[in-house]
N, C-alpha and C. Protein backbone atom coordinates (compact mmCIF):
# COMPACT_ATOMS: atom_id res chain seq x y z
N UNK A 1 21.58 149.04 135.46
CA UNK A 1 22.21 150.32 135.72
C UNK A 1 22.81 150.30 137.12
N UNK A 2 23.98 150.85 137.23
CA UNK A 2 24.68 150.95 138.50
C UNK A 2 24.03 152.04 139.34
N UNK A 3 23.97 151.81 140.65
CA UNK A 3 23.46 152.85 141.54
C UNK A 3 24.63 153.77 141.91
N UNK A 4 24.50 155.02 141.54
CA UNK A 4 25.54 156.01 141.78
C UNK A 4 25.23 156.75 143.07
N UNK A 5 26.25 156.97 143.88
CA UNK A 5 26.08 157.71 145.13
C UNK A 5 26.96 158.94 145.08
N UNK A 6 26.39 160.07 145.45
CA UNK A 6 27.12 161.32 145.53
C UNK A 6 26.83 161.92 146.89
N UNK A 7 27.83 162.49 147.52
CA UNK A 7 27.63 163.13 148.81
C UNK A 7 28.55 164.34 148.91
N UNK A 8 28.05 165.37 149.57
CA UNK A 8 28.86 166.55 149.83
C UNK A 8 28.65 166.91 151.29
N UNK A 9 29.68 166.75 152.09
CA UNK A 9 29.56 166.95 153.53
C UNK A 9 29.11 168.36 153.89
N UNK A 10 29.29 169.31 152.99
CA UNK A 10 28.92 170.70 153.28
C UNK A 10 27.42 170.94 153.23
N UNK A 11 26.70 170.06 152.53
CA UNK A 11 25.28 170.30 152.33
C UNK A 11 24.57 168.97 152.08
N UNK A 12 23.80 168.49 153.06
CA UNK A 12 23.11 167.20 152.88
C UNK A 12 22.10 167.22 151.73
N UNK A 13 21.58 168.38 151.37
CA UNK A 13 20.62 168.46 150.27
C UNK A 13 21.28 168.15 148.93
N UNK A 14 22.60 168.26 148.86
CA UNK A 14 23.31 168.00 147.61
C UNK A 14 23.14 166.54 147.18
N UNK A 15 23.23 165.62 148.12
CA UNK A 15 23.04 164.20 147.80
C UNK A 15 21.64 163.96 147.27
N UNK A 16 20.66 164.57 147.91
CA UNK A 16 19.27 164.42 147.46
C UNK A 16 19.08 165.04 146.08
N UNK A 17 19.70 166.19 145.85
CA UNK A 17 19.60 166.84 144.55
C UNK A 17 20.18 165.95 143.45
N UNK A 18 21.32 165.33 143.75
CA UNK A 18 21.94 164.43 142.78
C UNK A 18 21.01 163.26 142.47
N UNK A 19 20.44 162.66 143.50
CA UNK A 19 19.52 161.52 143.32
C UNK A 19 18.31 161.92 142.48
N UNK A 20 17.73 163.07 142.79
CA UNK A 20 16.56 163.55 142.04
C UNK A 20 16.93 163.75 140.57
N UNK A 21 18.04 164.43 140.32
CA UNK A 21 18.47 164.69 138.94
C UNK A 21 18.77 163.39 138.21
N UNK A 22 19.51 162.51 138.86
CA UNK A 22 19.89 161.23 138.24
C UNK A 22 18.64 160.42 137.91
N UNK A 23 17.73 160.30 138.86
CA UNK A 23 16.51 159.51 138.64
C UNK A 23 15.70 160.07 137.48
N UNK A 24 15.55 161.40 137.43
CA UNK A 24 14.79 162.01 136.33
C UNK A 24 15.46 161.72 134.99
N UNK A 25 16.76 161.96 134.90
CA UNK A 25 17.47 161.75 133.64
C UNK A 25 17.45 160.29 133.22
N UNK A 26 17.56 159.39 134.17
CA UNK A 26 17.53 157.96 133.87
C UNK A 26 16.14 157.54 133.38
N UNK A 27 15.10 158.04 134.05
CA UNK A 27 13.72 157.69 133.66
C UNK A 27 13.38 158.21 132.26
N UNK A 28 13.97 159.31 131.87
CA UNK A 28 13.68 159.90 130.56
C UNK A 28 14.69 159.45 129.50
N UNK A 29 15.52 158.47 129.83
CA UNK A 29 16.53 157.93 128.91
C UNK A 29 17.46 159.00 128.35
N UNK A 30 17.77 160.00 129.16
CA UNK A 30 18.64 161.09 128.73
C UNK A 30 20.11 160.77 128.96
N UNK A 31 20.41 159.67 129.63
CA UNK A 31 21.80 159.33 129.96
C UNK A 31 22.30 158.28 128.97
N UNK A 32 23.28 158.68 128.17
CA UNK A 32 23.89 157.72 127.24
C UNK A 32 25.21 157.19 127.80
N UNK A 33 25.87 157.99 128.61
CA UNK A 33 27.14 157.61 129.22
C UNK A 33 27.03 157.87 130.72
N UNK A 34 26.89 156.81 131.50
CA UNK A 34 26.68 156.96 132.95
C UNK A 34 27.83 157.68 133.63
N UNK A 35 29.06 157.37 133.26
CA UNK A 35 30.20 158.01 133.90
C UNK A 35 30.20 159.52 133.63
N UNK A 36 30.00 159.89 132.36
CA UNK A 36 29.96 161.30 132.00
C UNK A 36 28.85 162.03 132.76
N UNK A 37 27.67 161.43 132.80
CA UNK A 37 26.53 162.05 133.50
C UNK A 37 26.82 162.19 134.99
N UNK A 38 27.40 161.17 135.58
CA UNK A 38 27.72 161.20 137.01
C UNK A 38 28.69 162.34 137.33
N UNK A 39 29.75 162.43 136.57
CA UNK A 39 30.75 163.47 136.79
C UNK A 39 30.14 164.85 136.55
N UNK A 40 29.37 164.99 135.48
CA UNK A 40 28.76 166.27 135.15
C UNK A 40 27.84 166.73 136.29
N UNK A 41 26.94 165.87 136.72
CA UNK A 41 26.00 166.25 137.78
C UNK A 41 26.73 166.55 139.09
N UNK A 42 27.70 165.72 139.45
CA UNK A 42 28.44 165.93 140.70
C UNK A 42 29.17 167.27 140.67
N UNK A 43 29.79 167.59 139.54
CA UNK A 43 30.50 168.86 139.43
C UNK A 43 29.55 170.04 139.52
N UNK A 44 28.44 169.97 138.81
CA UNK A 44 27.49 171.08 138.83
C UNK A 44 26.89 171.29 140.22
N UNK A 45 26.54 170.20 140.87
CA UNK A 45 25.94 170.32 142.21
C UNK A 45 26.97 170.82 143.21
N UNK A 46 28.22 170.38 143.09
CA UNK A 46 29.28 170.87 143.98
C UNK A 46 29.46 172.38 143.81
N UNK A 47 29.38 172.87 142.59
CA UNK A 47 29.49 174.32 142.34
C UNK A 47 28.32 175.04 143.00
N UNK A 48 27.13 174.47 142.90
CA UNK A 48 25.97 175.10 143.52
C UNK A 48 26.11 175.16 145.04
N UNK A 49 26.68 174.12 145.63
CA UNK A 49 26.93 174.12 147.07
C UNK A 49 27.91 175.24 147.40
N UNK A 50 28.96 175.38 146.60
CA UNK A 50 29.93 176.46 146.81
C UNK A 50 29.27 177.83 146.68
N UNK A 51 28.25 177.94 145.84
CA UNK A 51 27.52 179.19 145.67
C UNK A 51 26.56 179.46 146.82
N UNK A 52 26.38 178.47 147.71
CA UNK A 52 25.51 178.64 148.86
C UNK A 52 24.10 178.11 148.68
N UNK A 53 23.85 177.39 147.58
CA UNK A 53 22.53 176.81 147.37
C UNK A 53 22.23 175.77 148.45
N UNK A 54 21.00 175.75 148.91
CA UNK A 54 20.60 174.75 149.91
C UNK A 54 19.31 174.03 149.52
N UNK A 55 18.64 174.50 148.48
CA UNK A 55 17.37 173.92 148.08
C UNK A 55 17.61 172.75 147.12
N UNK A 56 17.28 171.55 147.56
CA UNK A 56 17.57 170.34 146.77
C UNK A 56 16.83 170.33 145.43
N UNK A 57 15.58 170.82 145.42
CA UNK A 57 14.81 170.82 144.18
C UNK A 57 15.41 171.82 143.19
N UNK A 58 15.77 172.99 143.67
CA UNK A 58 16.38 173.99 142.79
C UNK A 58 17.70 173.46 142.23
N UNK A 59 18.51 172.84 143.08
CA UNK A 59 19.79 172.29 142.60
C UNK A 59 19.55 171.19 141.58
N UNK A 60 18.59 170.30 141.85
CA UNK A 60 18.30 169.20 140.93
C UNK A 60 17.81 169.73 139.59
N UNK A 61 16.88 170.67 139.62
CA UNK A 61 16.34 171.23 138.38
C UNK A 61 17.42 171.93 137.57
N UNK A 62 18.28 172.67 138.25
CA UNK A 62 19.37 173.37 137.54
C UNK A 62 20.36 172.37 136.94
N UNK A 63 20.68 171.32 137.70
CA UNK A 63 21.60 170.30 137.20
C UNK A 63 21.01 169.58 135.99
N UNK A 64 19.72 169.27 136.05
CA UNK A 64 19.04 168.62 134.92
C UNK A 64 19.10 169.51 133.69
N UNK A 65 18.74 170.76 133.87
CA UNK A 65 18.73 171.71 132.76
C UNK A 65 20.11 171.87 132.15
N UNK A 66 21.12 172.01 132.99
CA UNK A 66 22.48 172.18 132.49
C UNK A 66 22.98 170.91 131.79
N UNK A 67 22.60 169.74 132.30
CA UNK A 67 23.00 168.49 131.66
C UNK A 67 22.34 168.37 130.28
N UNK A 68 21.05 168.67 130.21
CA UNK A 68 20.34 168.60 128.93
C UNK A 68 20.95 169.57 127.92
N UNK A 69 21.30 170.77 128.37
CA UNK A 69 21.95 171.75 127.49
C UNK A 69 23.31 171.23 127.03
N UNK A 70 24.06 170.65 127.94
CA UNK A 70 25.38 170.08 127.62
C UNK A 70 25.24 168.98 126.56
N UNK A 71 24.28 168.10 126.73
CA UNK A 71 24.08 167.00 125.78
C UNK A 71 23.66 167.55 124.42
N UNK A 72 22.77 168.52 124.40
CA UNK A 72 22.34 169.13 123.13
C UNK A 72 23.53 169.75 122.41
N UNK A 73 24.36 170.50 123.13
CA UNK A 73 25.54 171.12 122.51
C UNK A 73 26.52 170.07 121.99
N UNK A 74 26.73 169.02 122.78
CA UNK A 74 27.63 167.94 122.37
C UNK A 74 27.11 167.26 121.11
N UNK A 75 25.81 166.98 121.09
CA UNK A 75 25.23 166.31 119.92
C UNK A 75 25.27 167.21 118.69
N UNK A 76 25.03 168.51 118.86
CA UNK A 76 25.12 169.45 117.75
C UNK A 76 26.55 169.49 117.20
N UNK A 77 27.53 169.48 118.10
CA UNK A 77 28.94 169.49 117.71
C UNK A 77 29.28 168.24 116.90
N UNK A 78 28.78 167.11 117.35
CA UNK A 78 29.04 165.84 116.64
C UNK A 78 28.36 165.85 115.27
N UNK A 79 27.10 166.29 115.23
CA UNK A 79 26.37 166.34 113.96
C UNK A 79 27.01 167.30 112.94
N UNK A 80 27.65 168.35 113.46
CA UNK A 80 28.26 169.32 112.55
C UNK A 80 29.63 168.87 112.06
N UNK A 81 30.04 167.70 112.45
CA UNK A 81 31.35 167.19 112.03
C UNK A 81 32.48 167.82 112.81
N UNK A 82 32.20 168.30 114.01
CA UNK A 82 33.24 168.86 114.85
C UNK A 82 33.44 170.35 114.69
N UNK A 83 32.52 170.99 113.99
CA UNK A 83 32.62 172.45 113.82
C UNK A 83 31.71 173.13 114.83
N UNK A 84 32.23 174.12 115.49
CA UNK A 84 31.44 174.92 116.44
C UNK A 84 30.46 175.79 115.67
N UNK A 85 29.31 176.05 116.28
CA UNK A 85 28.32 176.93 115.65
C UNK A 85 28.96 178.29 115.42
N UNK A 86 28.78 178.85 114.23
CA UNK A 86 29.32 180.15 113.91
C UNK A 86 30.80 180.11 113.51
N UNK A 87 31.39 178.92 113.59
CA UNK A 87 32.81 178.80 113.23
C UNK A 87 33.00 178.59 111.75
N UNK A 88 34.24 178.59 111.31
CA UNK A 88 34.54 178.41 109.89
C UNK A 88 35.10 177.05 109.63
């Protein structure tokens, strides 16, 4: 596995949050596409920095939760043959 580095000059805790989230997801085999996961986590953490978050653990936990939700929704969409839940 490639070592991914993320940094946000506005908040040093963002890099730590990314590392924590990435390590957890990697250890639990939740990452099927490293590029997708990297972009997803970086975007979510950058948004949290913009919102004023400074707690690395809170950012990491939120990023993990949002990534897991994203993967579940993506997998449900694929299993349904491309139909959105509640759609026709």
